[in-house]
Amino acid sequence: MIEVAKLSAPIAPFFADNLYKDLINGTVLEGFESVHLAKFPLSDGDLIDSDLERKMQKAQRISSMVLSLRKKESIKVRQPLQKIMIPVLGDQDREDILAVEDLIISEVNVKEIDLIDDASDILVKQIKPNFKVLGPRFGKNMRSVGQAIQNFGQEEINIIEKEGKITLELDGNFVDLTLSEVEITSQDIEGWLVSNANGITVALDVSISPKLKNEGIARELINRVQNLRKDSGLEVTDKISLSIQSQDELELAVGENLDYIMNETLTAELNFDKEVTHGTEIEFDDIKSCVLIQKI
């Protein structure tokens, strides 16, 4: 098989042209003499699902924010966390997030998402002017606008987040401020990290219970075993026996997640031994051990 990435510059266009002709040949599609003479296809607006795009955009933003909070706290994605808390700005916002809830949970490895209608008693938001945007628009009046923004309370912040704008009276005139002209942040609360962007606020529960920690250890072990399966040339359907060198913390984690580990790694037999000969050393977090896999 020819690897396209390794083709030299003069050969790559030739290969692409042959591939195009192979795909077009024998079809009812109107083919061109060369892929380089073909026209780019036009999009069909009737096939665009704007509702789905909006939901997926929220899923992407929320996942990105949560993953950034994990990175900030140096919590690996394999380590499960309990909850994300998201204040919703209305019924549509709630329905959108519920539609992609399972996707978000899987992507960021949390157990649940808690959607709250009123976060005023939980999350304290702060707002400040975005002077880079306000300056060109308001000029000498920028200071007055900035002062008005800094006087906003939680109600005004909620309005501009929900509506995307808010009306402000300035020297007897009414002007609309948009979300892009302010910067909204949320204070972290004990045991949580909070992020705010593009009108979305997420709070991540970063406390790790013993049960969650042991599940994280189990996931790390599964990753090491799966890599050993791959390196050993095993088929994806091959069952194995798994021997693990005894280590107290690892034994406890395996015991609590035994069925999950065995199902994920297709392990038919799992044993802890004081010594594992001809095994492979593994190390993660504070755990050091040795494992041996054998095809059954």
C-alpha atoms as a PDB file:
ATOM      1  CA  MET A   1       0.000   0.000   0.000  1.00  0.00           C
ATOM      2  CA  ILE A   2       1.304   3.461  -0.924  1.00  0.00           C
ATOM      3  CA  GLU A   3       1.343   5.963   1.919  1.00  0.00           C
ATOM      4  CA  VAL A   4       0.206   9.344   0.582  1.00  0.00           C
ATOM      5  CA  ALA A   5       2.105  11.271   3.269  1.00  0.00           C
ATOM      6  CA  LYS A   6       5.405   9.807   2.004  1.00  0.00           C
ATOM      7  CA  LEU A   7       4.851  10.655  -1.656  1.00  0.00           C
ATOM      8  CA  SER A   8       7.167  13.256  -3.151  1.00  0.00           C
ATOM      9  CA  ALA A   9       5.656  16.513  -4.380  1.00  0.00           C
ATOM     10  CA  PRO A  10       5.617  15.577  -8.122  1.00  0.00           C
ATOM     11  CA  ILE A  11       4.038  12.132  -7.456  1.00  0.00           C
ATOM     12  CA  ALA A  12       1.280  13.176  -5.028  1.00  0.00           C
ATOM     13  CA  PRO A  13      -0.912  14.999  -7.640  1.00  0.00           C
ATOM     14  CA  PHE A  14      -0.576  12.002  -9.977  1.00  0.00           C
ATOM     15  CA  PHE A  15      -1.682   9.616  -7.230  1.00  0.00           C
ATOM     16  CA  ALA A  16      -4.648  11.869  -6.337  1.00  0.00           C
ATOM     17  CA  ASP A  17      -5.727  11.970  -9.986  1.00  0.00           C
ATOM     18  CA  ASN A  18      -5.600   8.171 -10.285  1.00  0.00           C
ATOM     19  CA  LEU A  19      -7.579   7.805  -7.061  1.00  0.00           C
ATOM     20  CA  TYR A  20     -10.234  10.202  -8.377  1.00  0.00           C
ATOM     21  CA  LYS A  21     -10.548   8.302 -11.660  1.00  0.00           C
ATOM     22  CA  ASP A  22     -10.805   4.956  -9.837  1.00  0.00           C
ATOM     23  CA  LEU A  23     -13.646   6.306  -7.689  1.00  0.00           C
ATOM     24  CA  ILE A  24     -15.546   7.871 -10.602  1.00  0.00           C
ATOM     25  CA  ASN A  25     -15.082   5.012 -13.068  1.00  0.00           C
ATOM     26  CA  GLY A  26     -18.202   2.901 -13.405  1.00  0.00           C
ATOM     27  CA  THR A  27     -20.479   5.322 -11.529  1.00  0.00           C
ATOM     28  CA  VAL A  28     -23.387   7.330 -12.862  1.00  0.00           C
ATOM     29  CA  LEU A  29     -21.790  10.520 -11.598  1.00  0.00           C
ATOM     30  CA  GLU A  30     -20.580  12.988 -14.176  1.00  0.00           C
ATOM     31  CA  GLY A  31     -16.823  12.634 -14.156  1.00  0.00           C
ATOM     32  CA  PHE A  32     -14.200  15.105 -15.239  1.00  0.00           C
ATOM     33  CA  GLU A  33     -11.081  14.273 -17.175  1.00  0.00           C
ATOM     34  CA  SER A  34      -8.995  15.108 -14.108  1.00  0.00           C
ATOM     35  CA  VAL A  35      -9.636  15.848 -10.455  1.00  0.00           C
ATOM     36  CA  HIS A  36      -7.811  19.119 -11.066  1.00  0.00           C
ATOM     37  CA  LEU A  37     -10.522  20.135 -13.544  1.00  0.00           C
ATOM     38  CA  ALA A  38     -13.404  19.149 -11.260  1.00  0.00           C
ATOM     39  CA  LYS A  39     -15.565  21.753  -9.575  1.00  0.00           C
ATOM     40  CA  PHE A  40     -15.985  21.998  -5.832  1.00  0.00           C
ATOM     41  CA  PRO A  41     -19.445  20.724  -4.829  1.00  0.00           C
ATOM     42  CA  LEU A  42     -21.995  23.313  -3.757  1.00  0.00           C
ATOM     43  CA  SER A  43     -23.566  23.034  -0.329  1.00  0.00           C
ATOM     44  CA  ASP A  44     -27.260  22.324  -0.068  1.00  0.00           C
ATOM     45  CA  GLY A  45     -28.770  24.627   2.539  1.00  0.00           C
ATOM     46  CA  ASP A  46     -31.814  22.371   2.878  1.00  0.00           C
ATOM     47  CA  LEU A  47     -29.584  19.628   4.293  1.00  0.00           C
ATOM     48  CA  ILE A  48     -28.115  21.814   7.029  1.00  0.00           C
ATOM     49  CA  ASP A  49     -29.557  21.027  10.448  1.00  0.00           C
ATOM     50  CA  SER A  50     -29.108  24.314  12.306  1.00  0.00           C
ATOM     51  CA  ASP A  51     -30.562  22.862  15.525  1.00  0.00           C
ATOM     52  CA  LEU A  52     -28.026  20.042  15.499  1.00  0.00           C
ATOM     53  CA  GLU A  53     -25.189  22.455  14.740  1.00  0.00           C
ATOM     54  CA  ARG A  54     -26.196  24.640  17.703  1.00  0.00           C
ATOM     55  CA  LYS A  55     -26.328  21.655  20.062  1.00  0.00           C
ATOM     56  CA  MET A  56     -23.001  20.296  18.882  1.00  0.00           C
ATOM     57  CA  GLN A  57     -21.398  23.715  19.215  1.00  0.00           C
ATOM     58  CA  LYS A  58     -22.482  23.817  22.858  1.00  0.00           C
ATOM     59  CA  ALA A  59     -21.180  20.285  23.403  1.00  0.00           C
ATOM     60  CA  GLN A  60     -17.839  21.313  21.927  1.00  0.00           C
ATOM     61  CA  ARG A  61     -17.583  24.494  24.002  1.00  0.00           C
ATOM     62  CA  ILE A  62     -18.568  22.825  27.269  1.00  0.00           C
ATOM     63  CA  SER A  63     -16.179  19.908  26.684  1.00  0.00           C
ATOM     64  CA  SER A  64     -13.333  22.269  25.826  1.00  0.00           C
ATOM     65  CA  MET A  65     -13.932  24.349  28.968  1.00  0.00           C
ATOM     66  CA  VAL A  66     -14.047  21.287  31.230  1.00  0.00           C
ATOM     67  CA  LEU A  67     -10.898  19.816  29.687  1.00  0.00           C
ATOM     68  CA  SER A  68      -9.133  23.148  30.235  1.00  0.00           C
ATOM     69  CA  LEU A  69     -10.153  23.093  33.908  1.00  0.00           C
ATOM     70  CA  ARG A  70      -8.812  19.535  34.197  1.00  0.00           C
ATOM     71  CA  LYS A  71      -5.516  20.670  32.696  1.00  0.00           C
ATOM     72  CA  LYS A  72      -5.373  23.655  35.055  1.00  0.00           C
ATOM     73  CA  GLU A  73      -5.713  21.306  38.026  1.00  0.00           C
ATOM     74  CA  SER A  74      -3.454  18.613  36.451  1.00  0.00           C
ATOM     75  CA  ILE A  75      -6.221  15.986  36.573  1.00  0.00           C
ATOM     76  CA  LYS A  76      -5.825  13.385  33.838  1.00  0.00           C
ATOM     77  CA  VAL A  77      -8.831  12.624  31.644  1.00  0.00           C
ATOM     78  CA  ARG A  78      -8.676   8.946  32.691  1.00  0.00           C
ATOM     79  CA  GLN A  79      -9.482  10.030  36.230  1.00  0.00           C
ATOM     80  CA  PRO A  80     -13.289  10.125  36.560  1.00  0.00           C
ATOM     81  CA  LEU A  81     -14.835  13.137  38.272  1.00  0.00           C
ATOM     82  CA  GLN A  82     -18.292  13.310  39.777  1.00  0.00           C
ATOM     83  CA  LYS A  83     -20.117  16.298  38.365  1.00  0.00           C
ATOM     84  CA  ILE A  84     -20.330  19.318  36.099  1.00  0.00           C
ATOM     85  CA  MET A  85     -22.713  22.086  37.133  1.00  0.00           C
ATOM     86  CA  ILE A  86     -24.053  24.317  34.346  1.00  0.00           C
ATOM     87  CA  PRO A  87     -26.430  27.255  34.844  1.00  0.00           C
ATOM     88  CA  VAL A  88     -28.945  27.291  31.964  1.00  0.00           C
ATOM     89  CA  LEU A  89     -30.234  30.507  30.441  1.00  0.00           C
ATOM     90  CA  GLY A  90     -33.663  29.207  29.422  1.00  0.00           C
ATOM     91  CA  ASP A  91     -35.679  26.225  28.211  1.00  0.00           C
ATOM     92  CA  GLN A  92     -33.924  26.115  24.837  1.00  0.00           C
ATOM     93  CA  ASP A  93     -30.519  26.091  26.503  1.00  0.00           C
ATOM     94  CA  ARG A  94     -31.620  23.244  28.786  1.00  0.00           C
ATOM     95  CA  GLU A  95     -32.983  21.171  25.888  1.00  0.00           C
ATOM     96  CA  ASP A  96     -29.826  21.696  23.838  1.00  0.00           C
ATOM     97  CA  ILE A  97     -27.506  20.521  26.612  1.00  0.00           C
ATOM     98  CA  LEU A  98     -29.725  17.551  27.528  1.00  0.00           C
ATOM     99  CA  ALA A  99     -29.614  16.445  23.880  1.00  0.00           C
ATOM    100  CA  VAL A 100     -25.798  16.182  23.977  1.00  0.00           C
ATOM    101  CA  GLU A 101     -25.434  15.294  27.670  1.00  0.00           C
ATOM    102  CA  ASP A 102     -24.169  11.738  27.073  1.00  0.00           C
ATOM    103  CA  LEU A 103     -21.617  12.988  24.555  1.00  0.00           C
ATOM    104  CA  ILE A 104     -20.219  15.558  26.993  1.00  0.00           C
ATOM    105  CA  ILE A 105     -20.104  13.049  29.858  1.00  0.00           C
ATOM    106  CA  SER A 106     -18.171  10.585  27.699  1.00  0.00           C
ATOM    107  CA  GLU A 107     -15.793  13.219  26.332  1.00  0.00           C
ATOM    108  CA  VAL A 108     -14.748  14.737  29.679  1.00  0.00           C
ATOM    109  CA  ASN A 109     -15.182  11.619  31.885  1.00  0.00           C
ATOM    110  CA  VAL A 110     -17.644  12.802  34.517  1.00  0.00           C
ATOM    111  CA  LYS A 111     -20.503  10.913  36.115  1.00  0.00           C
ATOM    112  CA  GLU A 112     -23.257  13.499  35.770  1.00  0.00           C
ATOM    113  CA  ILE A 113     -24.248  16.964  34.603  1.00  0.00           C
ATOM    114  CA  ASP A 114     -26.373  19.101  36.899  1.00  0.00           C
ATOM    115  CA  LEU A 115     -28.341  21.820  35.071  1.00  0.00           C
ATOM    116  CA  ILE A 116     -29.471  24.620  37.366  1.00  0.00           C
ATOM    117  CA  ASP A 117     -31.967  27.371  36.592  1.00  0.00           C
ATOM    118  CA  ASP A 118     -30.810  29.856  39.221  1.00  0.00           C
ATOM    119  CA  ALA A 119     -27.131  29.891  40.116  1.00  0.00           C
ATOM    120  CA  SER A 120     -27.211  33.145  42.055  1.00  0.00           C
ATOM    121  CA  ASP A 121     -26.816  31.403  45.403  1.00  0.00           C
ATOM    122  CA  ILE A 122     -23.996  29.176  44.144  1.00  0.00           C
ATOM    123  CA  LEU A 123     -21.946  31.030  41.539  1.00  0.00           C
ATOM    124  CA  VAL A 124     -20.916  34.665  41.868  1.00  0.00           C
ATOM    125  CA  LYS A 125     -20.231  36.260  38.488  1.00  0.00           C
ATOM    126  CA  GLN A 126     -18.132  39.341  37.867  1.00  0.00           C
ATOM    127  CA  ILE A 127     -18.191  41.634  34.859  1.00  0.00           C
ATOM    128  CA  LYS A 128     -15.761  44.183  33.488  1.00  0.00           C
ATOM    129  CA  PRO A 129     -15.537  46.260  30.297  1.00  0.00           C
ATOM    130  CA  ASN A 130     -13.675  45.007  27.230  1.00  0.00           C
ATOM    131  CA  PHE A 131     -11.884  48.285  26.570  1.00  0.00           C
ATOM    132  CA  LYS A 132     -10.273  47.064  23.335  1.00  0.00           C
ATOM    133  CA  VAL A 133     -13.737  46.775  21.806  1.00  0.00           C
ATOM    134  CA  LEU A 134     -15.407  49.695  23.601  1.00  0.00           C
ATOM    135  CA  GLY A 135     -12.650  52.235  22.838  1.00  0.00           C
ATOM    136  CA  PRO A 136     -13.159  52.540  19.059  1.00  0.00           C
ATOM    137  CA  ARG A 137     -16.940  52.672  19.528  1.00  0.00           C
ATOM    138  CA  PHE A 138     -17.363  55.131  22.391  1.00  0.00           C
ATOM    139  CA  GLY A 139     -14.159  57.146  22.308  1.00  0.00           C
ATOM    140  CA  LYS A 140     -14.197  59.841  25.017  1.00  0.00           C
ATOM    141  CA  ASN A 141     -17.334  58.296  26.550  1.00  0.00           C
ATOM    142  CA  MET A 142     -15.587  54.988  27.162  1.00  0.00           C
ATOM    143  CA  ARG A 143     -14.879  55.821  30.825  1.00  0.00           C
ATOM    144  CA  SER A 144     -18.584  56.446  31.547  1.00  0.00           C
ATOM    145  CA  VAL A 145     -19.574  53.222  29.806  1.00  0.00           C
ATOM    146  CA  GLY A 146     -16.918  51.290  31.707  1.00  0.00           C
ATOM    147  CA  GLN A 147     -18.136  52.649  35.035  1.00  0.00           C
ATOM    148  CA  ALA A 148     -21.720  51.681  34.212  1.00  0.00           C
ATOM    149  CA  ILE A 149     -20.651  48.145  33.342  1.00  0.00           C
ATOM    150  CA  GLN A 150     -18.707  47.772  36.574  1.00  0.00           C
ATOM    151  CA  ASN A 151     -21.876  48.731  38.472  1.00  0.00           C
ATOM    152  CA  PHE A 152     -23.824  45.843  36.955  1.00  0.00           C
ATOM    153  CA  GLY A 153     -25.246  43.349  39.433  1.00  0.00           C
ATOM    154  CA  GLN A 154     -26.078  39.665  38.970  1.00  0.00           C
ATOM    155  CA  GLU A 155     -29.415  40.537  37.301  1.00  0.00           C
ATOM    156  CA  GLU A 156     -27.794  42.656  34.587  1.00  0.00           C
ATOM    157  CA  ILE A 157     -25.106  40.027  34.028  1.00  0.00           C
ATOM    158  CA  ASN A 158     -27.792  37.366  33.577  1.00  0.00           C
ATOM    159  CA  ILE A 159     -29.634  39.541  31.051  1.00  0.00           C
ATOM    160  CA  ILE A 160     -26.610  40.168  28.833  1.00  0.00           C
ATOM    161  CA  GLU A 161     -25.657  36.487  28.974  1.00  0.00           C
ATOM    162  CA  LYS A 162     -29.161  35.333  28.090  1.00  0.00           C
ATOM    163  CA  GLU A 163     -30.086  37.968  25.503  1.00  0.00           C
ATOM    164  CA  GLY A 164     -26.608  38.630  24.138  1.00  0.00           C
ATOM    165  CA  LYS A 165     -27.049  42.341  24.768  1.00  0.00           C
ATOM    166  CA  ILE A 166     -28.319  44.880  27.296  1.00  0.00           C
ATOM    167  CA  THR A 167     -29.569  48.460  26.905  1.00  0.00           C
ATOM    168  CA  LEU A 168     -27.598  51.161  28.712  1.00  0.00           C
ATOM    169  CA  GLU A 169     -28.543  54.799  29.214  1.00  0.00           C
ATOM    170  CA  LEU A 170     -25.675  57.146  28.418  1.00  0.00           C
ATOM    171  CA  ASP A 171     -26.148  60.941  28.741  1.00  0.00           C
ATOM    172  CA  GLY A 172     -29.854  60.674  27.968  1.00  0.00           C
ATOM    173  CA  ASN A 173     -29.304  58.302  25.035  1.00  0.00           C
ATOM    174  CA  PHE A 174     -29.893  54.548  24.985  1.00  0.00           C
ATOM    175  CA  VAL A 175     -27.215  52.264  23.562  1.00  0.00           C
ATOM    176  CA  ASP A 176     -27.001  48.502  23.307  1.00  0.00           C
ATOM    177  CA  LEU A 177     -23.996  46.704  24.776  1.00  0.00           C
ATOM    178  CA  THR A 178     -23.249  43.237  23.397  1.00  0.00           C
ATOM    179  CA  LEU A 179     -21.692  40.240  25.066  1.00  0.00           C
ATOM    180  CA  SER A 180     -18.468  40.742  23.081  1.00  0.00           C
ATOM    181  CA  GLU A 181     -18.025  44.189  24.676  1.00  0.00           C
ATOM    182  CA  VAL A 182     -17.761  42.845  28.223  1.00  0.00           C
ATOM    183  CA  GLU A 183     -15.776  40.149  29.993  1.00  0.00           C
ATOM    184  CA  ILE A 184     -17.641  37.890  32.420  1.00  0.00           C
ATOM    185  CA  THR A 185     -15.887  35.627  34.909  1.00  0.00           C
ATOM    186  CA  SER A 186     -17.030  33.464  37.809  1.00  0.00           C
ATOM    187  CA  GLN A 187     -15.370  32.990  41.173  1.00  0.00           C
ATOM    188  CA  ASP A 188     -14.198  29.489  42.047  1.00  0.00           C
ATOM    189  CA  ILE A 189     -16.070  27.879  44.928  1.00  0.00           C
ATOM    190  CA  GLU A 190     -14.564  25.449  47.402  1.00  0.00           C
ATOM    191  CA  GLY A 191     -13.984  22.072  45.763  1.00  0.00           C
ATOM    192  CA  TRP A 192     -14.950  23.396  42.315  1.00  0.00           C
ATOM    193  CA  LEU A 193     -13.289  25.145  39.403  1.00  0.00           C
ATOM    194  CA  VAL A 194     -15.384  27.581  37.366  1.00  0.00           C
ATOM    195  CA  SER A 195     -15.005  28.786  33.784  1.00  0.00           C
ATOM    196  CA  ASN A 196     -17.053  31.207  31.710  1.00  0.00           C
ATOM    197  CA  ALA A 197     -16.927  31.828  27.955  1.00  0.00           C
ATOM    198  CA  ASN A 198     -19.345  32.754  25.162  1.00  0.00           C
ATOM    199  CA  GLY A 199     -22.289  32.985  27.537  1.00  0.00           C
ATOM    200  CA  ILE A 200     -21.683  29.510  28.994  1.00  0.00           C
ATOM    201  CA  THR A 201     -20.609  28.879  32.589  1.00  0.00           C
ATOM    202  CA  VAL A 202     -19.376  25.508  33.811  1.00  0.00           C
ATOM    203  CA  ALA A 203     -18.376  24.494  37.329  1.00  0.00           C
ATOM    204  CA  LEU A 204     -16.338  21.304  37.680  1.00  0.00           C
ATOM    205  CA  ASP A 205     -16.298  19.306  40.892  1.00  0.00           C
ATOM    206  CA  VAL A 206     -12.595  18.525  41.311  1.00  0.00           C
ATOM    207  CA  SER A 207     -12.889  16.608  44.585  1.00  0.00           C
ATOM    208  CA  ILE A 208     -11.860  12.969  44.120  1.00  0.00           C
ATOM    209  CA  SER A 209     -13.456  10.414  46.434  1.00  0.00           C
ATOM    210  CA  PRO A 210     -11.697   7.101  47.184  1.00  0.00           C
ATOM    211  CA  LYS A 211     -14.156   5.354  44.853  1.00  0.00           C
ATOM    212  CA  LEU A 212     -13.407   7.746  41.990  1.00  0.00           C
ATOM    213  CA  LYS A 213      -9.665   7.430  42.634  1.00  0.00           C
ATOM    214  CA  ASN A 214      -9.853   3.630  42.445  1.00  0.00           C
ATOM    215  CA  GLU A 215     -11.794   3.811  39.199  1.00  0.00           C
ATOM    216  CA  GLY A 216      -9.072   6.064  37.834  1.00  0.00           C
ATOM    217  CA  ILE A 217      -6.444   3.485  38.820  1.00  0.00           C
ATOM    218  CA  ALA A 218      -8.507   0.791  37.104  1.00  0.00           C
ATOM    219  CA  ARG A 219      -8.630   2.837  33.914  1.00  0.00           C
ATOM    220  CA  GLU A 220      -4.862   3.337  33.989  1.00  0.00           C
ATOM    221  CA  LEU A 221      -4.370  -0.421  34.413  1.00  0.00           C
ATOM    222  CA  ILE A 222      -6.711  -1.122  31.503  1.00  0.00           C
ATOM    223  CA  ASN A 223      -4.701   1.250  29.325  1.00  0.00           C
ATOM    224  CA  ARG A 224      -1.448  -0.558  30.161  1.00  0.00           C
ATOM    225  CA  VAL A 225      -2.976  -3.997  29.511  1.00  0.00           C
ATOM    226  CA  GLN A 226      -4.485  -2.886  26.210  1.00  0.00           C
ATOM    227  CA  ASN A 227      -1.095  -1.598  25.097  1.00  0.00           C
ATOM    228  CA  LEU A 228       0.474  -4.946  26.018  1.00  0.00           C
ATOM    229  CA  ARG A 229      -2.206  -6.777  24.039  1.00  0.00           C
ATOM    230  CA  LYS A 230      -1.405  -4.647  21.018  1.00  0.00           C
ATOM    231  CA  ASP A 231       2.364  -5.060  21.391  1.00  0.00           C
ATOM    232  CA  SER A 232       1.915  -8.830  21.754  1.00  0.00           C
ATOM    233  CA  GLY A 233       0.062  -9.059  18.443  1.00  0.00           C
ATOM    234  CA  LEU A 234      -3.130 -10.404  19.988  1.00  0.00           C
ATOM    235  CA  GLU A 235      -6.364 -10.280  18.030  1.00  0.00           C
ATOM    236  CA  VAL A 236      -9.096  -8.058  19.458  1.00  0.00           C
ATOM    237  CA  THR A 237     -11.168 -11.142  20.259  1.00  0.00           C
ATOM    238  CA  ASP A 238      -8.397 -13.124  21.996  1.00  0.00           C
ATOM    239  CA  LYS A 239      -9.006 -13.826  25.680  1.00  0.00           C
ATOM    240  CA  ILE A 240      -6.117 -13.609  28.132  1.00  0.00           C
ATOM    241  CA  SER A 241      -5.017 -14.502  31.611  1.00  0.00           C
ATOM    242  CA  LEU A 242      -3.617 -11.584  33.584  1.00  0.00           C
ATOM    243  CA  SER A 243      -1.063 -11.850  36.374  1.00  0.00           C
ATOM    244  CA  ILE A 244      -0.358  -8.755  38.486  1.00  0.00           C
ATOM    245  CA  GLN A 245       2.373  -8.282  41.069  1.00  0.00           C
ATOM    246  CA  SER A 246       0.785  -7.630  44.455  1.00  0.00           C
ATOM    247  CA  GLN A 247       0.458  -3.985  45.497  1.00  0.00           C
ATOM    248  CA  ASP A 248      -2.055  -2.942  48.134  1.00  0.00           C
ATOM    249  CA  GLU A 249      -3.508   0.140  46.442  1.00  0.00           C
ATOM    250  CA  LEU A 250      -3.719  -1.616  43.082  1.00  0.00           C
ATOM    251  CA  GLU A 251      -5.391  -4.689  44.578  1.00  0.00           C
ATOM    252  CA  LEU A 252      -8.057  -2.526  46.216  1.00  0.00           C
ATOM    253  CA  ALA A 253      -8.777  -0.664  42.964  1.00  0.00           C
ATOM    254  CA  VAL A 254      -8.959  -3.894  40.965  1.00  0.00           C
ATOM    255  CA  GLY A 255     -11.261  -5.468  43.528  1.00  0.00           C
ATOM    256  CA  GLU A 256     -13.720  -2.583  43.269  1.00  0.00           C
ATOM    257  CA  ASN A 257     -13.662  -2.575  39.458  1.00  0.00           C
ATOM    258  CA  LEU A 258     -12.995  -6.233  38.672  1.00  0.00           C
ATOM    259  CA  ASP A 259     -15.805  -6.869  36.169  1.00  0.00           C
ATOM    260  CA  TYR A 260     -15.074  -3.611  34.338  1.00  0.00           C
ATOM    261  CA  ILE A 261     -11.377  -4.437  33.987  1.00  0.00           C
ATOM    262  CA  MET A 262     -11.971  -8.020  32.854  1.00  0.00           C
ATOM    263  CA  ASN A 263     -14.620  -7.029  30.308  1.00  0.00           C
ATOM    264  CA  GLU A 264     -12.542  -4.210  28.826  1.00  0.00           C
ATOM    265  CA  THR A 265      -9.383  -6.317  28.481  1.00  0.00           C
ATOM    266  CA  LEU A 266     -11.067  -9.660  27.647  1.00  0.00           C
ATOM    267  CA  THR A 267      -9.462 -11.203  30.711  1.00  0.00           C
ATOM    268  CA  ALA A 268     -10.781 -14.652  31.617  1.00  0.00           C
ATOM    269  CA  GLU A 269      -8.425 -15.168  34.585  1.00  0.00           C
ATOM    270  CA  LEU A 270      -6.913 -12.501  36.839  1.00  0.00           C
ATOM    271  CA  ASN A 271      -4.500 -13.259  39.680  1.00  0.00           C
ATOM    272  CA  PHE A 272      -2.305 -11.289  42.066  1.00  0.00           C
ATOM    273  CA  ASP A 273       1.098 -12.844  42.800  1.00  0.00           C
ATOM    274  CA  LYS A 274       4.000 -11.811  45.025  1.00  0.00           C
ATOM    275  CA  GLU A 275       6.362 -12.148  42.089  1.00  0.00           C
ATOM    276  CA  VAL A 276       5.582 -12.015  38.358  1.00  0.00           C
ATOM    277  CA  THR A 277       8.390 -13.395  36.209  1.00  0.00           C
ATOM    278  CA  HIS A 278       8.848 -12.379  32.569  1.00  0.00           C
ATOM    279  CA  GLY A 279       6.295  -9.623  33.072  1.00  0.00           C
ATOM    280  CA  THR A 280       6.300  -5.978  32.094  1.00  0.00           C
ATOM    281  CA  GLU A 281       6.824  -3.244  34.673  1.00  0.00           C
ATOM    282  CA  ILE A 282       4.103  -0.602  34.854  1.00  0.00           C
ATOM    283  CA  GLU A 283       4.143   2.699  36.708  1.00  0.00           C
ATOM    284  CA  PHE A 284       1.599   5.481  37.067  1.00  0.00           C
ATOM    285  CA  ASP A 285       0.830   7.965  39.823  1.00  0.00           C
ATOM    286  CA  ASP A 286       2.289   6.371  43.010  1.00  0.00           C
ATOM    287  CA  ILE A 287       1.828   2.795  41.804  1.00  0.00           C
ATOM    288  CA  LYS A 288       4.580   0.476  40.627  1.00  0.00           C
ATOM    289  CA  SER A 289       3.861  -3.113  39.663  1.00  0.00           C
ATOM    290  CA  CYS A 290       4.495  -5.788  37.067  1.00  0.00           C
ATOM    291  CA  VAL A 291       1.962  -7.497  34.812  1.00  0.00           C
ATOM    292  CA  LEU A 292       2.036 -10.525  32.539  1.00  0.00           C
ATOM    293  CA  ILE A 293      -0.579 -11.336  29.919  1.00  0.00           C
ATOM    294  CA  GLN A 294      -0.925 -14.734  28.275  1.00  0.00           C
ATOM    295  CA  LYS A 295      -3.284 -15.796  25.518  1.00  0.00           C
ATOM    296  CA  ILE A 296      -5.766 -18.494  26.529  1.00  0.00           C
END
